[in-house]
N, C-alpha and C. Protein backbone atom coordinates (compact mmCIF):
# COMPACT_ATOMS: atom_id res chain seq x y z
N MET A 1 28.07 -2.11 -52.94
CA MET A 1 28.11 -2.00 -51.51
C MET A 1 26.70 -2.01 -50.93
N ASN A 2 26.53 -2.70 -49.85
CA ASN A 2 25.24 -2.69 -49.16
C ASN A 2 25.17 -1.45 -48.27
N GLN A 3 24.08 -0.75 -48.40
CA GLN A 3 23.85 0.43 -47.57
C GLN A 3 22.78 0.09 -46.55
N TYR A 4 23.20 -0.11 -45.33
CA TYR A 4 22.26 -0.40 -44.26
C TYR A 4 21.82 0.90 -43.61
N PRO A 5 20.57 0.95 -43.19
CA PRO A 5 20.14 2.19 -42.51
C PRO A 5 20.89 2.34 -41.18
N PRO A 6 21.22 3.57 -40.83
CA PRO A 6 21.96 3.78 -39.58
C PRO A 6 21.06 3.52 -38.37
N TYR A 7 21.50 2.66 -37.51
CA TYR A 7 20.79 2.37 -36.26
C TYR A 7 21.61 2.92 -35.11
N GLN A 8 20.93 3.28 -34.05
CA GLN A 8 21.66 3.65 -32.85
C GLN A 8 22.28 2.39 -32.27
N PRO A 9 23.47 2.48 -31.75
CA PRO A 9 24.04 1.28 -31.13
C PRO A 9 23.27 0.92 -29.87
N LEU A 10 23.07 -0.36 -29.68
CA LEU A 10 22.37 -0.82 -28.48
C LEU A 10 23.38 -1.11 -27.39
N HIS A 11 23.06 -0.69 -26.20
CA HIS A 11 23.89 -0.97 -25.04
C HIS A 11 23.08 -1.85 -24.10
N PRO A 12 23.74 -2.76 -23.38
CA PRO A 12 22.97 -3.63 -22.48
C PRO A 12 22.31 -2.82 -21.38
N PRO A 13 21.08 -3.19 -21.02
CA PRO A 13 20.40 -2.47 -19.94
C PRO A 13 21.05 -2.76 -18.60
N THR A 14 20.81 -1.89 -17.67
CA THR A 14 21.44 -2.02 -16.36
C THR A 14 20.87 -3.16 -15.54
N GLY A 15 19.63 -3.51 -15.78
CA GLY A 15 19.03 -4.63 -15.07
C GLY A 15 18.39 -4.22 -13.76
N PRO A 16 17.81 -5.19 -13.07
CA PRO A 16 17.09 -4.89 -11.83
C PRO A 16 17.97 -4.34 -10.72
N ALA A 17 19.29 -4.53 -10.82
CA ALA A 17 20.17 -3.99 -9.77
C ALA A 17 20.11 -2.46 -9.75
N ALA A 18 19.71 -1.86 -10.86
CA ALA A 18 19.60 -0.40 -10.89
C ALA A 18 18.43 0.09 -10.04
N MET A 19 17.60 -0.81 -9.57
CA MET A 19 16.45 -0.44 -8.74
C MET A 19 16.82 -0.33 -7.26
N ILE A 20 18.07 -0.61 -6.92
CA ILE A 20 18.47 -0.56 -5.51
C ILE A 20 18.34 0.86 -4.96
N LEU A 21 18.93 1.84 -5.65
CA LEU A 21 18.90 3.21 -5.14
C LEU A 21 17.48 3.79 -5.11
N PRO A 22 16.67 3.66 -6.18
CA PRO A 22 15.30 4.17 -6.05
C PRO A 22 14.51 3.47 -4.95
N SER A 23 14.75 2.18 -4.76
CA SER A 23 14.02 1.46 -3.71
C SER A 23 14.45 1.93 -2.33
N VAL A 24 15.74 2.22 -2.17
CA VAL A 24 16.24 2.69 -0.88
C VAL A 24 15.69 4.09 -0.58
N ILE A 25 15.53 4.91 -1.61
CA ILE A 25 15.03 6.27 -1.39
C ILE A 25 13.51 6.29 -1.28
N LEU A 26 12.82 5.66 -2.23
CA LEU A 26 11.37 5.76 -2.27
C LEU A 26 10.66 4.73 -1.38
N GLY A 27 11.29 3.60 -1.10
CA GLY A 27 10.66 2.57 -0.28
C GLY A 27 10.28 3.07 1.11
N PRO A 28 11.24 3.65 1.85
CA PRO A 28 10.86 4.19 3.17
C PRO A 28 9.84 5.32 3.09
N LEU A 29 9.89 6.11 2.02
CA LEU A 29 8.90 7.17 1.86
C LEU A 29 7.50 6.57 1.68
N GLY A 30 7.40 5.49 0.90
CA GLY A 30 6.11 4.81 0.74
C GLY A 30 5.64 4.19 2.05
N LEU A 31 6.56 3.59 2.80
CA LEU A 31 6.19 3.02 4.09
C LEU A 31 5.75 4.12 5.07
N LEU A 32 6.43 5.26 5.01
CA LEU A 32 6.05 6.37 5.87
C LEU A 32 4.65 6.87 5.52
N ALA A 33 4.35 6.94 4.22
CA ALA A 33 3.01 7.38 3.81
C ALA A 33 1.95 6.36 4.24
N LEU A 34 2.26 5.08 4.10
CA LEU A 34 1.30 4.06 4.53
C LEU A 34 1.10 4.09 6.04
N GLY A 35 2.20 4.20 6.79
CA GLY A 35 2.08 4.27 8.25
C GLY A 35 1.37 5.54 8.71
N GLY A 36 1.69 6.65 8.05
CA GLY A 36 1.00 7.90 8.40
C GLY A 36 -0.47 7.84 8.05
N GLY A 37 -0.80 7.14 6.97
CA GLY A 37 -2.20 6.97 6.61
C GLY A 37 -2.95 6.13 7.63
N GLN A 38 -2.31 5.09 8.10
CA GLN A 38 -2.94 4.26 9.14
C GLN A 38 -3.17 5.07 10.41
N GLU A 39 -2.20 5.89 10.76
CA GLU A 39 -2.33 6.72 11.97
C GLU A 39 -3.38 7.80 11.78
N ALA A 40 -3.42 8.40 10.58
CA ALA A 40 -4.37 9.48 10.32
C ALA A 40 -5.80 8.97 10.22
N MET A 41 -5.99 7.69 9.97
CA MET A 41 -7.35 7.16 9.86
C MET A 41 -8.08 7.19 11.20
N ARG A 42 -7.35 7.35 12.28
CA ARG A 42 -8.01 7.45 13.59
C ARG A 42 -8.84 8.72 13.69
N SER A 43 -8.35 9.80 13.09
CA SER A 43 -9.08 11.07 13.20
C SER A 43 -9.90 11.36 11.95
N SER A 44 -9.38 11.03 10.78
CA SER A 44 -10.09 11.33 9.53
C SER A 44 -9.84 10.21 8.54
N VAL A 45 -10.87 9.48 8.21
CA VAL A 45 -10.73 8.35 7.30
C VAL A 45 -10.35 8.83 5.90
N LEU A 46 -10.91 9.96 5.49
CA LEU A 46 -10.61 10.48 4.15
C LEU A 46 -9.14 10.87 4.02
N LEU A 47 -8.62 11.57 5.00
CA LEU A 47 -7.22 11.99 4.97
C LEU A 47 -6.29 10.79 5.06
N GLY A 48 -6.62 9.83 5.92
CA GLY A 48 -5.82 8.61 6.03
C GLY A 48 -5.82 7.82 4.73
N SER A 49 -6.95 7.75 4.07
CA SER A 49 -7.01 7.05 2.78
C SER A 49 -6.17 7.76 1.73
N LEU A 50 -6.15 9.08 1.78
CA LEU A 50 -5.33 9.85 0.84
C LEU A 50 -3.85 9.56 1.06
N TYR A 51 -3.42 9.51 2.31
CA TYR A 51 -2.02 9.18 2.62
C TYR A 51 -1.69 7.77 2.15
N CYS A 52 -2.57 6.83 2.43
CA CYS A 52 -2.33 5.45 2.01
C CYS A 52 -2.29 5.32 0.49
N ALA A 53 -3.11 6.09 -0.20
CA ALA A 53 -3.09 6.07 -1.67
C ALA A 53 -1.75 6.59 -2.19
N GLY A 54 -1.18 7.59 -1.53
CA GLY A 54 0.14 8.08 -1.92
C GLY A 54 1.21 7.02 -1.73
N GLY A 55 1.17 6.31 -0.61
CA GLY A 55 2.13 5.23 -0.38
C GLY A 55 1.98 4.11 -1.40
N MET A 56 0.74 3.77 -1.71
CA MET A 56 0.52 2.72 -2.71
C MET A 56 0.98 3.17 -4.09
N ALA A 57 0.83 4.47 -4.41
CA ALA A 57 1.30 4.98 -5.69
C ALA A 57 2.82 4.90 -5.80
N ILE A 58 3.50 5.15 -4.70
CA ILE A 58 4.97 5.04 -4.71
C ILE A 58 5.38 3.59 -4.96
N PHE A 59 4.74 2.64 -4.29
CA PHE A 59 5.08 1.24 -4.50
C PHE A 59 4.68 0.75 -5.89
N ALA A 60 3.58 1.28 -6.44
CA ALA A 60 3.19 0.93 -7.80
C ALA A 60 4.22 1.45 -8.81
N PHE A 61 4.74 2.66 -8.56
CA PHE A 61 5.77 3.21 -9.43
C PHE A 61 7.04 2.35 -9.38
N LEU A 62 7.45 1.93 -8.20
CA LEU A 62 8.63 1.08 -8.08
C LEU A 62 8.41 -0.27 -8.77
N ALA A 63 7.23 -0.85 -8.63
CA ALA A 63 6.94 -2.12 -9.30
C ALA A 63 6.94 -1.95 -10.81
N PHE A 64 6.40 -0.84 -11.31
CA PHE A 64 6.40 -0.57 -12.74
C PHE A 64 7.83 -0.43 -13.27
N CYS A 65 8.67 0.28 -12.54
CA CYS A 65 10.07 0.44 -12.96
C CYS A 65 10.80 -0.90 -12.95
N LEU A 66 10.53 -1.74 -11.96
CA LEU A 66 11.16 -3.06 -11.92
C LEU A 66 10.69 -3.91 -13.10
N ALA A 67 9.41 -3.84 -13.43
CA ALA A 67 8.90 -4.58 -14.58
C ALA A 67 9.55 -4.09 -15.87
N LEU A 68 9.76 -2.79 -15.99
CA LEU A 68 10.44 -2.27 -17.18
C LEU A 68 11.88 -2.77 -17.27
N HIS A 69 12.57 -2.83 -16.14
CA HIS A 69 13.94 -3.34 -16.14
C HIS A 69 13.98 -4.80 -16.57
N ILE A 70 13.07 -5.60 -16.06
CA ILE A 70 13.04 -7.02 -16.42
C ILE A 70 12.70 -7.18 -17.90
N ARG A 71 11.75 -6.40 -18.39
CA ARG A 71 11.40 -6.47 -19.81
C ARG A 71 12.57 -6.02 -20.69
N ALA A 72 13.32 -5.02 -20.27
CA ALA A 72 14.49 -4.58 -21.04
C ALA A 72 15.55 -5.67 -21.09
N GLN A 73 15.71 -6.41 -19.99
CA GLN A 73 16.65 -7.53 -20.00
C GLN A 73 16.20 -8.61 -20.98
N ARG A 74 14.91 -8.89 -21.02
CA ARG A 74 14.39 -9.87 -21.97
C ARG A 74 14.59 -9.41 -23.40
N LEU A 75 14.40 -8.13 -23.65
CA LEU A 75 14.60 -7.59 -24.99
C LEU A 75 16.07 -7.67 -25.39
N TRP A 76 16.96 -7.39 -24.46
CA TRP A 76 18.39 -7.50 -24.75
C TRP A 76 18.77 -8.95 -25.03
N ASP A 77 18.22 -9.87 -24.26
CA ASP A 77 18.47 -11.29 -24.50
C ASP A 77 17.99 -11.70 -25.89
N TRP A 78 16.83 -11.22 -26.30
CA TRP A 78 16.32 -11.52 -27.64
C TRP A 78 17.26 -10.96 -28.70
N HIS A 79 17.76 -9.75 -28.50
CA HIS A 79 18.67 -9.13 -29.46
C HIS A 79 19.97 -9.91 -29.57
N VAL A 80 20.50 -10.37 -28.44
CA VAL A 80 21.76 -11.12 -28.47
C VAL A 80 21.54 -12.49 -29.13
N ARG A 81 20.41 -13.14 -28.83
CA ARG A 81 20.14 -14.46 -29.42
C ARG A 81 19.93 -14.40 -30.93
N THR A 82 19.14 -13.43 -31.38
CA THR A 82 18.77 -13.40 -32.79
C THR A 82 19.68 -12.51 -33.63
N GLY A 83 20.33 -11.54 -33.03
CA GLY A 83 21.14 -10.61 -33.78
C GLY A 83 20.33 -9.56 -34.51
N ARG A 84 19.05 -9.56 -34.33
CA ARG A 84 18.17 -8.60 -35.01
C ARG A 84 17.99 -7.36 -34.14
N MET A 85 17.73 -6.25 -34.81
CA MET A 85 17.46 -5.00 -34.11
C MET A 85 15.98 -4.95 -33.75
N PRO A 86 15.64 -4.59 -32.53
CA PRO A 86 14.22 -4.49 -32.19
C PRO A 86 13.61 -3.26 -32.85
N TYR A 87 12.38 -3.38 -33.20
CA TYR A 87 11.64 -2.23 -33.72
C TYR A 87 10.55 -1.90 -32.71
N PHE A 88 10.18 -0.66 -32.70
CA PHE A 88 9.25 -0.20 -31.68
C PHE A 88 7.90 0.08 -32.30
N ARG A 89 6.88 -0.16 -31.54
CA ARG A 89 5.52 0.08 -32.00
C ARG A 89 5.28 1.57 -32.18
N LYS A 90 4.41 1.88 -33.08
CA LYS A 90 4.10 3.27 -33.39
C LYS A 90 2.96 3.78 -32.50
N HIS A 91 2.98 5.05 -32.24
CA HIS A 91 1.91 5.78 -31.55
C HIS A 91 1.65 5.30 -30.13
N GLY A 92 2.67 4.81 -29.44
CA GLY A 92 2.49 4.36 -28.07
C GLY A 92 2.15 5.50 -27.13
N PHE A 93 2.83 6.64 -27.32
CA PHE A 93 2.56 7.78 -26.44
C PHE A 93 1.13 8.28 -26.65
N LEU A 94 0.70 8.33 -27.90
CA LEU A 94 -0.65 8.83 -28.20
C LEU A 94 -1.72 7.94 -27.58
N LYS A 95 -1.53 6.63 -27.69
CA LYS A 95 -2.51 5.70 -27.11
C LYS A 95 -2.57 5.85 -25.59
N GLY A 96 -1.41 5.94 -24.95
CA GLY A 96 -1.38 6.13 -23.51
C GLY A 96 -1.95 7.47 -23.10
N ALA A 97 -1.66 8.50 -23.89
CA ALA A 97 -2.20 9.83 -23.56
C ALA A 97 -3.72 9.85 -23.69
N LEU A 98 -4.24 9.17 -24.68
CA LEU A 98 -5.70 9.10 -24.82
C LEU A 98 -6.32 8.35 -23.65
N LEU A 99 -5.68 7.26 -23.23
CA LEU A 99 -6.18 6.51 -22.08
C LEU A 99 -6.12 7.36 -20.81
N GLY A 100 -4.98 8.01 -20.57
CA GLY A 100 -4.84 8.85 -19.38
C GLY A 100 -5.77 10.05 -19.39
N GLY A 101 -5.91 10.68 -20.55
CA GLY A 101 -6.83 11.80 -20.65
C GLY A 101 -8.27 11.38 -20.42
N GLY A 102 -8.63 10.20 -20.96
CA GLY A 102 -9.99 9.68 -20.73
C GLY A 102 -10.23 9.36 -19.27
N LEU A 103 -9.22 8.77 -18.62
CA LEU A 103 -9.34 8.47 -17.19
C LEU A 103 -9.46 9.75 -16.37
N GLY A 104 -8.66 10.76 -16.73
CA GLY A 104 -8.76 12.05 -16.04
C GLY A 104 -10.11 12.71 -16.25
N LEU A 105 -10.63 12.62 -17.46
CA LEU A 105 -11.94 13.21 -17.76
C LEU A 105 -13.04 12.51 -16.96
N VAL A 106 -12.97 11.18 -16.87
CA VAL A 106 -13.96 10.44 -16.09
C VAL A 106 -13.86 10.83 -14.61
N THR A 107 -12.65 10.99 -14.11
CA THR A 107 -12.46 11.39 -12.71
C THR A 107 -13.04 12.78 -12.45
N VAL A 108 -12.79 13.71 -13.34
CA VAL A 108 -13.30 15.07 -13.16
C VAL A 108 -14.83 15.08 -13.24
N ILE A 109 -15.38 14.35 -14.19
CA ILE A 109 -16.85 14.30 -14.32
C ILE A 109 -17.47 13.65 -13.08
N ALA A 110 -16.81 12.60 -12.55
CA ALA A 110 -17.32 11.96 -11.34
C ALA A 110 -17.28 12.93 -10.16
N ALA A 111 -16.24 13.74 -10.07
CA ALA A 111 -16.16 14.72 -8.98
C ALA A 111 -17.25 15.79 -9.12
N VAL A 112 -17.53 16.20 -10.35
CA VAL A 112 -18.58 17.19 -10.57
C VAL A 112 -19.95 16.61 -10.21
N VAL A 113 -20.20 15.37 -10.63
CA VAL A 113 -21.47 14.73 -10.31
C VAL A 113 -21.61 14.54 -8.80
N LEU A 114 -20.52 14.13 -8.15
CA LEU A 114 -20.54 14.00 -6.69
C LEU A 114 -20.87 15.35 -6.04
N GLY A 115 -20.27 16.42 -6.56
CA GLY A 115 -20.53 17.75 -6.00
C GLY A 115 -21.98 18.19 -6.19
N PHE A 116 -22.53 17.93 -7.37
CA PHE A 116 -23.92 18.31 -7.62
C PHE A 116 -24.90 17.48 -6.81
N LYS A 117 -24.64 16.18 -6.72
CA LYS A 117 -25.61 15.28 -6.11
C LYS A 117 -25.64 15.39 -4.59
N TYR A 118 -24.47 15.53 -3.98
CA TYR A 118 -24.41 15.47 -2.51
C TYR A 118 -24.04 16.80 -1.86
N ALA A 119 -24.22 17.90 -2.55
CA ALA A 119 -23.84 19.20 -1.98
C ALA A 119 -24.68 19.55 -0.75
N GLU A 120 -25.93 19.12 -0.71
CA GLU A 120 -26.81 19.44 0.41
C GLU A 120 -26.89 18.33 1.45
N HIS A 121 -26.11 17.28 1.28
CA HIS A 121 -26.14 16.15 2.21
C HIS A 121 -25.53 16.59 3.54
N PRO A 122 -26.12 16.17 4.69
CA PRO A 122 -25.61 16.65 5.99
C PRO A 122 -24.19 16.18 6.30
N GLN A 123 -23.86 14.93 5.97
CA GLN A 123 -22.52 14.43 6.29
C GLN A 123 -21.54 14.64 5.13
N LEU A 124 -21.97 14.44 3.91
CA LEU A 124 -21.07 14.49 2.76
C LEU A 124 -21.04 15.85 2.07
N GLY A 125 -21.73 16.81 2.60
CA GLY A 125 -21.83 18.11 1.94
C GLY A 125 -20.50 18.81 1.75
N ASP A 126 -19.66 18.82 2.80
CA ASP A 126 -18.37 19.50 2.69
C ASP A 126 -17.45 18.80 1.71
N ILE A 127 -17.42 17.47 1.75
CA ILE A 127 -16.56 16.70 0.84
C ILE A 127 -17.04 16.87 -0.60
N ALA A 128 -18.35 16.83 -0.80
CA ALA A 128 -18.89 16.98 -2.15
C ALA A 128 -18.60 18.38 -2.70
N THR A 129 -18.74 19.39 -1.87
CA THR A 129 -18.44 20.75 -2.32
C THR A 129 -16.96 20.90 -2.64
N ALA A 130 -16.11 20.32 -1.82
CA ALA A 130 -14.66 20.37 -2.09
C ALA A 130 -14.32 19.63 -3.37
N ALA A 131 -14.96 18.49 -3.61
CA ALA A 131 -14.72 17.74 -4.85
C ALA A 131 -15.13 18.55 -6.07
N PHE A 132 -16.27 19.24 -5.96
CA PHE A 132 -16.72 20.08 -7.08
C PHE A 132 -15.74 21.22 -7.33
N TYR A 133 -15.31 21.89 -6.27
CA TYR A 133 -14.36 22.99 -6.44
C TYR A 133 -13.03 22.50 -7.02
N LEU A 134 -12.54 21.37 -6.52
CA LEU A 134 -11.28 20.83 -7.04
C LEU A 134 -11.41 20.44 -8.51
N ALA A 135 -12.56 19.86 -8.88
CA ALA A 135 -12.77 19.52 -10.29
C ALA A 135 -12.83 20.78 -11.14
N TRP A 136 -13.45 21.82 -10.63
CA TRP A 136 -13.58 23.06 -11.38
C TRP A 136 -12.23 23.77 -11.51
N LEU A 137 -11.45 23.81 -10.43
CA LEU A 137 -10.20 24.56 -10.44
C LEU A 137 -9.04 23.77 -11.05
N TRP A 138 -8.96 22.47 -10.76
CA TRP A 138 -7.79 21.68 -11.15
C TRP A 138 -8.11 20.57 -12.14
N GLY A 139 -9.31 20.55 -12.69
CA GLY A 139 -9.71 19.46 -13.58
C GLY A 139 -8.88 19.38 -14.85
N VAL A 140 -8.67 20.50 -15.51
CA VAL A 140 -7.89 20.50 -16.76
C VAL A 140 -6.44 20.10 -16.47
N PHE A 141 -5.90 20.57 -15.37
CA PHE A 141 -4.54 20.19 -14.97
C PHE A 141 -4.45 18.68 -14.72
N LEU A 142 -5.44 18.12 -14.03
CA LEU A 142 -5.45 16.68 -13.76
C LEU A 142 -5.53 15.88 -15.05
N ILE A 143 -6.38 16.31 -15.97
CA ILE A 143 -6.49 15.60 -17.26
C ILE A 143 -5.17 15.65 -18.00
N GLY A 144 -4.52 16.80 -18.03
CA GLY A 144 -3.25 16.93 -18.73
C GLY A 144 -2.14 16.11 -18.11
N VAL A 145 -2.05 16.14 -16.80
CA VAL A 145 -0.99 15.37 -16.12
C VAL A 145 -1.20 13.88 -16.32
N LEU A 146 -2.43 13.41 -16.17
CA LEU A 146 -2.68 11.98 -16.40
C LEU A 146 -2.40 11.59 -17.84
N ALA A 147 -2.71 12.45 -18.78
CA ALA A 147 -2.43 12.14 -20.18
C ALA A 147 -0.93 12.01 -20.43
N VAL A 148 -0.13 12.92 -19.90
CA VAL A 148 1.31 12.86 -20.11
C VAL A 148 1.92 11.66 -19.40
N VAL A 149 1.51 11.40 -18.17
CA VAL A 149 2.08 10.28 -17.41
C VAL A 149 1.72 8.95 -18.06
N PHE A 150 0.47 8.77 -18.44
CA PHE A 150 0.07 7.52 -19.09
C PHE A 150 0.73 7.39 -20.46
N GLY A 151 0.91 8.51 -21.18
CA GLY A 151 1.60 8.46 -22.47
C GLY A 151 3.04 8.01 -22.33
N TRP A 152 3.75 8.56 -21.35
CA TRP A 152 5.13 8.14 -21.12
C TRP A 152 5.19 6.69 -20.68
N ALA A 153 4.29 6.28 -19.83
CA ALA A 153 4.29 4.89 -19.36
C ALA A 153 4.02 3.92 -20.51
N LYS A 154 3.07 4.24 -21.36
CA LYS A 154 2.76 3.37 -22.50
C LYS A 154 3.93 3.32 -23.48
N ARG A 155 4.58 4.45 -23.69
CA ARG A 155 5.74 4.48 -24.59
C ARG A 155 6.87 3.63 -24.02
N ALA A 156 7.12 3.74 -22.72
CA ALA A 156 8.18 2.93 -22.10
C ALA A 156 7.82 1.44 -22.16
N TRP A 157 6.57 1.13 -21.95
CA TRP A 157 6.14 -0.27 -21.99
C TRP A 157 6.30 -0.83 -23.40
N ASP A 158 5.96 -0.04 -24.41
CA ASP A 158 6.10 -0.50 -25.79
C ASP A 158 7.56 -0.61 -26.20
N ARG A 159 8.42 0.24 -25.66
CA ARG A 159 9.85 0.18 -26.00
C ARG A 159 10.54 -1.04 -25.43
N THR A 160 9.97 -1.67 -24.45
CA THR A 160 10.58 -2.86 -23.87
C THR A 160 9.87 -4.14 -24.27
N ALA A 161 8.96 -4.07 -25.23
CA ALA A 161 8.21 -5.26 -25.67
C ALA A 161 9.04 -6.07 -26.65
N LEU A 162 8.92 -7.37 -26.55
CA LEU A 162 9.58 -8.24 -27.54
C LEU A 162 8.85 -8.15 -28.87
N PRO A 163 9.62 -8.00 -29.96
CA PRO A 163 8.95 -7.97 -31.27
C PRO A 163 8.31 -9.32 -31.58
N SER A 164 7.21 -9.26 -32.31
CA SER A 164 6.55 -10.52 -32.70
C SER A 164 7.36 -11.16 -33.80
N ALA A 165 7.19 -12.47 -33.93
CA ALA A 165 7.96 -13.24 -34.91
C ALA A 165 7.61 -12.77 -36.29
């Protein structure tokens, strides 16, 4: 008797139509953040840019999810055509976590340098001091969150990749 290793059964992915509900919920929220950012730029450019960055992050998340859905459809098509089980790359989460942690570390160091360099500047003094305090108080949290988010994103991206021939 042939003993095959037990695989989880594969089910077809839901496809891009599953993005309707997240787009309906998050799309207007992103537009609201972008519109609020444009309005807030009249009084404070920094605050308006922060709002716009939030709106762009929402749309980037939706685009990433749509790309994952399309890649999952391609992977399912490959599985149906070849009859082979896809295998997943190793250490995807670790690679993404290292990238996200490195990006968070660079951001925190840049905020600290900004705080040290421009703390006595007449116009940028308050912003530089706030950046230094935020890096000091929330820097480790930022590094950890970016590491986990990038790790999950890299793992999801690797799970939807077509295996090489």
